[in-house]
Amino acid sequence: MHVDDAIRSRKSVRRFLPTPVPAAVVSHVLQVAGRAPSGNNVQPWRVYVLAGEARERLCDDIVKAAREDADRHQPEYAYYPTSWFEPYMDRRRRCGFGLYASLGIAREDKVAREQQMLRNYTFFDAPVGLLVTLDRRLNTGSFMDVGMFIQNVMVAARAQGLHTCAQAAFAWFHGIARQHLPMSDNEMLLCGIALGHEDPQAPENAFITERASLDEFVSFHGFGIPA
């Protein structure tokens, strides 16, 4: 797959087939992704790969916590702003409305919306779940490094015919993850990544988010193109 096709066909898949993904394929994806750049080549990412019973045990505990006492669990870093503003507020709303519309979930149907949210914590049924951490002793620049690594994971997965969904939702439940995985105190849980084969029949997988046009986020200088 050409890299342009891999990037353009990457999307957030929210329902996966039960088709297993061999450990060798996961290893290949992560090895390729490990070529991501990082400041002074510090390579600050760490990945925990879960499948089978290990994945099920973690998912069961997080789903239970999210149902019973979600407010007690908080992430160790701020992913979203405390208050939204444009143009980000509109983009966020359009994404959420579009997803729930594809599922036929009405805005006022709080039960159905909650059930869909809880599916985050089963990796949307993907057979493989990844948890990505960062050493908290590093600084803001390392967040950029890990972001480039995560993008590499998703693009390398497409080259293997796989799909992904990056999930910051797991960051809220780092305490439970620590009960299941040998994470050191210095590790901060950044996100999960669902990895597997897309269910092409799932309506939510037909929902493709919009992207801003080039002139909305780029200005050229010195090319003879009006800025």
C-alpha atoms as a PDB file:
ATOM      1  CA  MET A   1       0.000   0.000   0.000  1.00  0.00           C
ATOM      2  CA  HIS A   2       1.362   3.419  -0.945  1.00  0.00           C
ATOM      3  CA  VAL A   3       1.895   5.614   2.081  1.00  0.00           C
ATOM      4  CA  ASP A   4      -0.615   8.172   0.735  1.00  0.00           C
ATOM      5  CA  ASP A   5      -3.277   5.460   0.525  1.00  0.00           C
ATOM      6  CA  ALA A   6      -2.449   4.221   4.016  1.00  0.00           C
ATOM      7  CA  ILE A   7      -2.859   7.711   5.470  1.00  0.00           C
ATOM      8  CA  ARG A   8      -6.013   8.541   3.521  1.00  0.00           C
ATOM      9  CA  SER A   9      -7.688   5.227   4.330  1.00  0.00           C
ATOM     10  CA  ARG A  10      -6.896   5.427   8.039  1.00  0.00           C
ATOM     11  CA  LYS A  11      -9.992   6.147  10.074  1.00  0.00           C
ATOM     12  CA  SER A  12     -11.334   5.533  13.556  1.00  0.00           C
ATOM     13  CA  VAL A  13     -12.939   2.098  13.354  1.00  0.00           C
ATOM     14  CA  ARG A  14     -15.461   1.495  16.119  1.00  0.00           C
ATOM     15  CA  ARG A  15     -16.487  -2.077  15.417  1.00  0.00           C
ATOM     16  CA  PHE A  16     -14.071  -4.882  14.618  1.00  0.00           C
ATOM     17  CA  LEU A  17     -14.396  -8.466  13.461  1.00  0.00           C
ATOM     18  CA  PRO A  18     -13.250 -11.243  15.842  1.00  0.00           C
ATOM     19  CA  THR A  19     -10.608 -12.315  13.307  1.00  0.00           C
ATOM     20  CA  PRO A  20      -7.347 -12.859  15.258  1.00  0.00           C
ATOM     21  CA  VAL A  21      -4.259 -10.808  14.509  1.00  0.00           C
ATOM     22  CA  PRO A  22      -1.058 -12.888  14.809  1.00  0.00           C
ATOM     23  CA  ALA A  23       1.542 -11.691  17.298  1.00  0.00           C
ATOM     24  CA  ALA A  24       4.089 -11.583  14.469  1.00  0.00           C
ATOM     25  CA  VAL A  25       1.961  -9.044  12.589  1.00  0.00           C
ATOM     26  CA  VAL A  26       1.553  -6.870  15.687  1.00  0.00           C
ATOM     27  CA  SER A  27       5.304  -7.046  16.268  1.00  0.00           C
ATOM     28  CA  HIS A  28       5.966  -6.001  12.670  1.00  0.00           C
ATOM     29  CA  VAL A  29       3.618  -3.012  12.947  1.00  0.00           C
ATOM     30  CA  LEU A  30       5.271  -1.847  16.166  1.00  0.00           C
ATOM     31  CA  GLN A  31       8.774  -2.387  14.827  1.00  0.00           C
ATOM     32  CA  VAL A  32       7.982  -0.227  11.800  1.00  0.00           C
ATOM     33  CA  ALA A  33       6.290   2.369  14.001  1.00  0.00           C
ATOM     34  CA  GLY A  34       9.392   2.494  16.182  1.00  0.00           C
ATOM     35  CA  ARG A  35      11.142   4.367  13.375  1.00  0.00           C
ATOM     36  CA  ALA A  36       9.195   7.462  14.452  1.00  0.00           C
ATOM     37  CA  PRO A  37      11.370  10.515  15.124  1.00  0.00           C
ATOM     38  CA  SER A  38      11.970  11.781  18.640  1.00  0.00           C
ATOM     39  CA  GLY A  39      14.043  14.567  20.134  1.00  0.00           C
ATOM     40  CA  ASN A  40      17.624  13.328  20.573  1.00  0.00           C
ATOM     41  CA  ASN A  41      16.306   9.852  19.709  1.00  0.00           C
ATOM     42  CA  VAL A  42      15.034   9.306  23.253  1.00  0.00           C
ATOM     43  CA  GLN A  43      12.137   7.125  21.945  1.00  0.00           C
ATOM     44  CA  PRO A  44       9.918   7.862  24.970  1.00  0.00           C
ATOM     45  CA  TRP A  45       7.039   5.494  24.137  1.00  0.00           C
ATOM     46  CA  ARG A  46       6.250   2.178  25.739  1.00  0.00           C
ATOM     47  CA  VAL A  47       3.513  -0.196  24.558  1.00  0.00           C
ATOM     48  CA  TYR A  48       1.573  -2.964  26.307  1.00  0.00           C
ATOM     49  CA  VAL A  49      -0.079  -5.391  23.882  1.00  0.00           C
ATOM     50  CA  LEU A  50      -3.169  -7.223  25.119  1.00  0.00           C
ATOM     51  CA  ALA A  51      -5.069 -10.112  23.557  1.00  0.00           C
ATOM     52  CA  GLY A  52      -7.126 -13.091  24.694  1.00  0.00           C
ATOM     53  CA  GLU A  53      -7.856 -13.439  28.400  1.00  0.00           C
ATOM     54  CA  ALA A  54      -5.463 -10.644  29.384  1.00  0.00           C
ATOM     55  CA  ARG A  55      -7.412  -8.215  27.219  1.00  0.00           C
ATOM     56  CA  GLU A  56     -10.761  -9.494  28.492  1.00  0.00           C
ATOM     57  CA  ARG A  57      -9.800  -9.165  32.157  1.00  0.00           C
ATOM     58  CA  LEU A  58      -8.636  -5.590  31.721  1.00  0.00           C
ATOM     59  CA  CYS A  59     -11.695  -4.620  29.671  1.00  0.00           C
ATOM     60  CA  ASP A  60     -14.096  -6.205  32.171  1.00  0.00           C
ATOM     61  CA  ASP A  61     -12.595  -4.296  35.083  1.00  0.00           C
ATOM     62  CA  ILE A  62     -12.594  -0.953  33.269  1.00  0.00           C
ATOM     63  CA  VAL A  63     -16.170  -1.358  32.027  1.00  0.00           C
ATOM     64  CA  LYS A  64     -17.247  -2.166  35.589  1.00  0.00           C
ATOM     65  CA  ALA A  65     -15.459   0.905  36.963  1.00  0.00           C
ATOM     66  CA  ALA A  66     -16.889   3.147  34.245  1.00  0.00           C
ATOM     67  CA  ARG A  67     -20.406   1.966  35.068  1.00  0.00           C
ATOM     68  CA  GLU A  68     -20.171   2.125  38.832  1.00  0.00           C
ATOM     69  CA  ASP A  69     -17.969   5.117  39.690  1.00  0.00           C
ATOM     70  CA  ALA A  70     -16.577   6.813  36.591  1.00  0.00           C
ATOM     71  CA  ASP A  71     -16.061  10.197  38.277  1.00  0.00           C
ATOM     72  CA  ARG A  72     -13.508   8.704  40.658  1.00  0.00           C
ATOM     73  CA  HIS A  73     -11.172   8.006  37.745  1.00  0.00           C
ATOM     74  CA  GLN A  74      -9.259  10.886  36.178  1.00  0.00           C
ATOM     75  CA  PRO A  75      -6.410  11.072  33.644  1.00  0.00           C
ATOM     76  CA  GLU A  76      -2.924  12.174  34.609  1.00  0.00           C
ATOM     77  CA  TYR A  77      -2.776  14.817  31.909  1.00  0.00           C
ATOM     78  CA  ALA A  78      -5.263  17.235  30.357  1.00  0.00           C
ATOM     79  CA  TYR A  79      -6.280  16.049  26.911  1.00  0.00           C
ATOM     80  CA  TYR A  80      -9.110  18.520  26.267  1.00  0.00           C
ATOM     81  CA  PRO A  81      -9.470  22.230  27.136  1.00  0.00           C
ATOM     82  CA  THR A  82     -11.511  23.175  30.182  1.00  0.00           C
ATOM     83  CA  SER A  83     -13.764  25.272  27.916  1.00  0.00           C
ATOM     84  CA  TRP A  84     -14.302  24.938  24.177  1.00  0.00           C
ATOM     85  CA  PHE A  85     -14.111  27.680  21.542  1.00  0.00           C
ATOM     86  CA  GLU A  86     -14.253  27.961  17.781  1.00  0.00           C
ATOM     87  CA  PRO A  87     -13.372  26.476  15.391  1.00  0.00           C
ATOM     88  CA  TYR A  88     -12.736  23.463  17.639  1.00  0.00           C
ATOM     89  CA  MET A  89     -16.156  23.432  19.287  1.00  0.00           C
ATOM     90  CA  ASP A  90     -17.941  23.096  15.954  1.00  0.00           C
ATOM     91  CA  ARG A  91     -15.596  20.358  14.752  1.00  0.00           C
ATOM     92  CA  ARG A  92     -16.094  18.418  17.971  1.00  0.00           C
ATOM     93  CA  ARG A  93     -19.873  18.710  17.765  1.00  0.00           C
ATOM     94  CA  ARG A  94     -19.988  17.665  14.121  1.00  0.00           C
ATOM     95  CA  CYS A  95     -17.887  14.610  14.927  1.00  0.00           C
ATOM     96  CA  GLY A  96     -20.098  13.545  17.825  1.00  0.00           C
ATOM     97  CA  PHE A  97     -23.373  14.244  16.042  1.00  0.00           C
ATOM     98  CA  GLY A  98     -22.177  12.424  12.928  1.00  0.00           C
ATOM     99  CA  LEU A  99     -21.121   9.334  14.839  1.00  0.00           C
ATOM    100  CA  TYR A 100     -24.353   9.014  16.798  1.00  0.00           C
ATOM    101  CA  ALA A 101     -26.423   9.718  13.687  1.00  0.00           C
ATOM    102  CA  SER A 102     -24.664   6.864  11.880  1.00  0.00           C
ATOM    103  CA  LEU A 103     -25.717   4.590  14.744  1.00  0.00           C
ATOM    104  CA  GLY A 104     -29.269   5.905  14.841  1.00  0.00           C
ATOM    105  CA  ILE A 105     -28.814   7.159  18.403  1.00  0.00           C
ATOM    106  CA  ALA A 106     -30.865  10.252  19.215  1.00  0.00           C
ATOM    107  CA  ARG A 107     -29.227  13.088  21.096  1.00  0.00           C
ATOM    108  CA  GLU A 108     -31.610  12.669  24.036  1.00  0.00           C
ATOM    109  CA  ASP A 109     -31.085   8.895  24.272  1.00  0.00           C
ATOM    110  CA  LYS A 110     -28.635   8.977  27.165  1.00  0.00           C
ATOM    111  CA  VAL A 111     -28.735   5.215  27.748  1.00  0.00           C
ATOM    112  CA  ALA A 112     -27.727   4.365  24.188  1.00  0.00           C
ATOM    113  CA  ARG A 113     -25.047   7.056  24.193  1.00  0.00           C
ATOM    114  CA  GLU A 114     -23.587   5.672  27.414  1.00  0.00           C
ATOM    115  CA  GLN A 115     -23.576   2.139  26.019  1.00  0.00           C
ATOM    116  CA  GLN A 116     -21.696   3.342  22.954  1.00  0.00           C
ATOM    117  CA  MET A 117     -19.200   5.168  25.154  1.00  0.00           C
ATOM    118  CA  LEU A 118     -18.606   2.016  27.198  1.00  0.00           C
ATOM    119  CA  ARG A 119     -17.649   0.174  24.016  1.00  0.00           C
ATOM    120  CA  ASN A 120     -14.421   2.197  24.109  1.00  0.00           C
ATOM    121  CA  TYR A 121     -13.334   0.008  26.994  1.00  0.00           C
ATOM    122  CA  THR A 122     -13.700  -3.222  25.024  1.00  0.00           C
ATOM    123  CA  PHE A 123     -11.449  -1.782  22.304  1.00  0.00           C
ATOM    124  CA  PHE A 124     -14.617  -1.807  20.161  1.00  0.00           C
ATOM    125  CA  ASP A 125     -14.324  -5.621  20.080  1.00  0.00           C
ATOM    126  CA  ALA A 126     -10.890  -5.536  18.427  1.00  0.00           C
ATOM    127  CA  PRO A 127      -8.936  -8.713  19.228  1.00  0.00           C
ATOM    128  CA  VAL A 128      -5.821  -6.693  20.076  1.00  0.00           C
ATOM    129  CA  GLY A 129      -5.586  -3.691  22.350  1.00  0.00           C
ATOM    130  CA  LEU A 130      -2.512  -1.521  22.821  1.00  0.00           C
ATOM    131  CA  LEU A 131      -1.866   0.758  25.786  1.00  0.00           C
ATOM    132  CA  VAL A 132       0.712   3.489  25.191  1.00  0.00           C
ATOM    133  CA  THR A 133       2.604   5.130  28.035  1.00  0.00           C
ATOM    134  CA  LEU A 134       5.126   7.945  28.452  1.00  0.00           C
ATOM    135  CA  ASP A 135       7.729   8.466  31.162  1.00  0.00           C
ATOM    136  CA  ARG A 136       6.293  11.299  33.246  1.00  0.00           C
ATOM    137  CA  ARG A 137       9.781  12.626  34.029  1.00  0.00           C
ATOM    138  CA  LEU A 138      10.112  13.824  30.434  1.00  0.00           C
ATOM    139  CA  ASN A 139       8.642  17.070  29.149  1.00  0.00           C
ATOM    140  CA  THR A 140       6.045  18.400  26.706  1.00  0.00           C
ATOM    141  CA  GLY A 141       8.154  17.710  23.636  1.00  0.00           C
ATOM    142  CA  SER A 142       7.943  13.996  24.317  1.00  0.00           C
ATOM    143  CA  PHE A 143       4.165  14.167  23.851  1.00  0.00           C
ATOM    144  CA  MET A 144       4.888  15.198  20.257  1.00  0.00           C
ATOM    145  CA  ASP A 145       7.288  12.283  19.901  1.00  0.00           C
ATOM    146  CA  VAL A 146       4.697   9.777  21.117  1.00  0.00           C
ATOM    147  CA  GLY A 147       2.097  11.346  18.835  1.00  0.00           C
ATOM    148  CA  MET A 148       4.311  10.656  15.840  1.00  0.00           C
ATOM    149  CA  PHE A 149       4.819   7.092  17.042  1.00  0.00           C
ATOM    150  CA  ILE A 150       1.058   6.558  17.412  1.00  0.00           C
ATOM    151  CA  GLN A 151       0.467   7.854  13.883  1.00  0.00           C
ATOM    152  CA  ASN A 152       3.127   5.447  12.639  1.00  0.00           C
ATOM    153  CA  VAL A 153       1.316   2.576  14.364  1.00  0.00           C
ATOM    154  CA  MET A 154      -1.932   3.415  12.624  1.00  0.00           C
ATOM    155  CA  VAL A 155      -0.355   3.866   9.186  1.00  0.00           C
ATOM    156  CA  ALA A 156       1.760   0.720   9.501  1.00  0.00           C
ATOM    157  CA  ALA A 157      -1.394  -1.175  10.494  1.00  0.00           C
ATOM    158  CA  ARG A 158      -3.103  -0.060   7.294  1.00  0.00           C
ATOM    159  CA  ALA A 159      -0.175  -1.436   5.292  1.00  0.00           C
ATOM    160  CA  GLN A 160      -1.025  -4.830   6.817  1.00  0.00           C
ATOM    161  CA  GLY A 161      -4.702  -4.502   5.897  1.00  0.00           C
ATOM    162  CA  LEU A 162      -5.661  -3.676   9.484  1.00  0.00           C
ATOM    163  CA  HIS A 163      -7.540  -0.796  11.049  1.00  0.00           C
ATOM    164  CA  THR A 164      -7.218   1.042  14.345  1.00  0.00           C
ATOM    165  CA  CYS A 165      -8.874   3.468  16.699  1.00  0.00           C
ATOM    166  CA  ALA A 166      -6.775   5.677  18.968  1.00  0.00           C
ATOM    167  CA  GLN A 167      -8.570   6.015  22.310  1.00  0.00           C
ATOM    168  CA  ALA A 168      -7.673   8.654  24.857  1.00  0.00           C
ATOM    169  CA  ALA A 169     -10.596   7.293  26.933  1.00  0.00           C
ATOM    170  CA  PHE A 170      -8.286   4.716  28.500  1.00  0.00           C
ATOM    171  CA  ALA A 171      -6.201   7.453  30.149  1.00  0.00           C
ATOM    172  CA  TRP A 172      -8.956   7.905  32.740  1.00  0.00           C
ATOM    173  CA  PHE A 173      -8.464   4.345  33.989  1.00  0.00           C
ATOM    174  CA  HIS A 174      -4.697   4.226  34.459  1.00  0.00           C
ATOM    175  CA  GLY A 175      -5.183   2.975  38.019  1.00  0.00           C
ATOM    176  CA  ILE A 176      -6.937  -0.154  36.804  1.00  0.00           C
ATOM    177  CA  ALA A 177      -4.381  -0.668  34.046  1.00  0.00           C
ATOM    178  CA  ARG A 178      -1.673  -0.691  36.704  1.00  0.00           C
ATOM    179  CA  GLN A 179      -3.433  -3.583  38.433  1.00  0.00           C
ATOM    180  CA  HIS A 180      -3.114  -5.667  35.275  1.00  0.00           C
ATOM    181  CA  LEU A 181       0.199  -4.586  33.772  1.00  0.00           C
ATOM    182  CA  PRO A 182       3.783  -4.112  35.033  1.00  0.00           C
ATOM    183  CA  MET A 183       3.685  -0.324  34.639  1.00  0.00           C
ATOM    184  CA  SER A 184       6.227   1.562  36.705  1.00  0.00           C
ATOM    185  CA  ASP A 185       5.280   4.578  38.808  1.00  0.00           C
ATOM    186  CA  ASN A 186       7.090   6.760  36.272  1.00  0.00           C
ATOM    187  CA  GLU A 187       4.803   5.708  33.425  1.00  0.00           C
ATOM    188  CA  MET A 188       1.814   7.833  32.447  1.00  0.00           C
ATOM    189  CA  LEU A 189      -0.934   6.115  30.476  1.00  0.00           C
ATOM    190  CA  LEU A 190      -1.628   8.251  27.410  1.00  0.00           C
ATOM    191  CA  CYS A 191      -4.100   6.236  25.364  1.00  0.00           C
ATOM    192  CA  GLY A 192      -5.233   2.905  24.046  1.00  0.00           C
ATOM    193  CA  ILE A 193      -5.280   1.762  20.430  1.00  0.00           C
ATOM    194  CA  ALA A 194      -7.739  -0.806  19.117  1.00  0.00           C
ATOM    195  CA  LEU A 195      -6.173  -2.972  16.408  1.00  0.00           C
ATOM    196  CA  GLY A 196      -7.833  -5.504  14.136  1.00  0.00           C
ATOM    197  CA  HIS A 197      -9.953  -6.093  11.049  1.00  0.00           C
ATOM    198  CA  GLU A 198     -12.774  -3.654  10.353  1.00  0.00           C
ATOM    199  CA  ASP A 199     -16.348  -4.891  10.345  1.00  0.00           C
ATOM    200  CA  PRO A 200     -17.423  -3.504   6.948  1.00  0.00           C
ATOM    201  CA  GLN A 201     -21.118  -4.002   7.772  1.00  0.00           C
ATOM    202  CA  ALA A 202     -21.068  -1.762  10.846  1.00  0.00           C
ATOM    203  CA  PRO A 203     -22.762   1.591  10.108  1.00  0.00           C
ATOM    204  CA  GLU A 204     -20.436   3.501  12.425  1.00  0.00           C
ATOM    205  CA  ASN A 205     -17.476   2.453  10.283  1.00  0.00           C
ATOM    206  CA  ALA A 206     -19.023   4.200   7.284  1.00  0.00           C
ATOM    207  CA  PHE A 207     -18.834   7.501   9.174  1.00  0.00           C
ATOM    208  CA  ILE A 208     -15.801   9.441   7.924  1.00  0.00           C
ATOM    209  CA  THR A 209     -14.920  12.689   9.647  1.00  0.00           C
ATOM    210  CA  GLU A 210     -14.383  15.819   7.592  1.00  0.00           C
ATOM    211  CA  ARG A 211     -11.044  17.543   7.207  1.00  0.00           C
ATOM    212  CA  ALA A 212     -10.338  21.247   6.917  1.00  0.00           C
ATOM    213  CA  SER A 213      -9.335  22.531   3.509  1.00  0.00           C
ATOM    214  CA  LEU A 214      -5.688  23.399   2.939  1.00  0.00           C
ATOM    215  CA  ASP A 215      -6.292  27.138   3.024  1.00  0.00           C
ATOM    216  CA  GLU A 216      -7.788  26.823   6.516  1.00  0.00           C
ATOM    217  CA  PHE A 217      -4.543  25.665   8.109  1.00  0.00           C
ATOM    218  CA  VAL A 218      -1.695  26.486   5.689  1.00  0.00           C
ATOM    219  CA  SER A 219      -0.165  29.745   4.503  1.00  0.00           C
ATOM    220  CA  PHE A 220       2.599  29.736   1.897  1.00  0.00           C
ATOM    221  CA  HIS A 221       5.405  32.294   1.942  1.00  0.00           C
ATOM    222  CA  GLY A 222       7.999  32.874  -0.762  1.00  0.00           C
ATOM    223  CA  PHE A 223       6.271  30.692  -3.373  1.00  0.00           C
ATOM    224  CA  GLY A 224       4.505  33.494  -5.244  1.00  0.00           C
ATOM    225  CA  ILE A 225       1.191  32.290  -3.765  1.00  0.00           C
ATOM    226  CA  PRO A 226      -0.988  34.920  -2.046  1.00  0.00           C
ATOM    227  CA  ALA A 227      -0.806  34.380   1.727  1.00  0.00           C
END
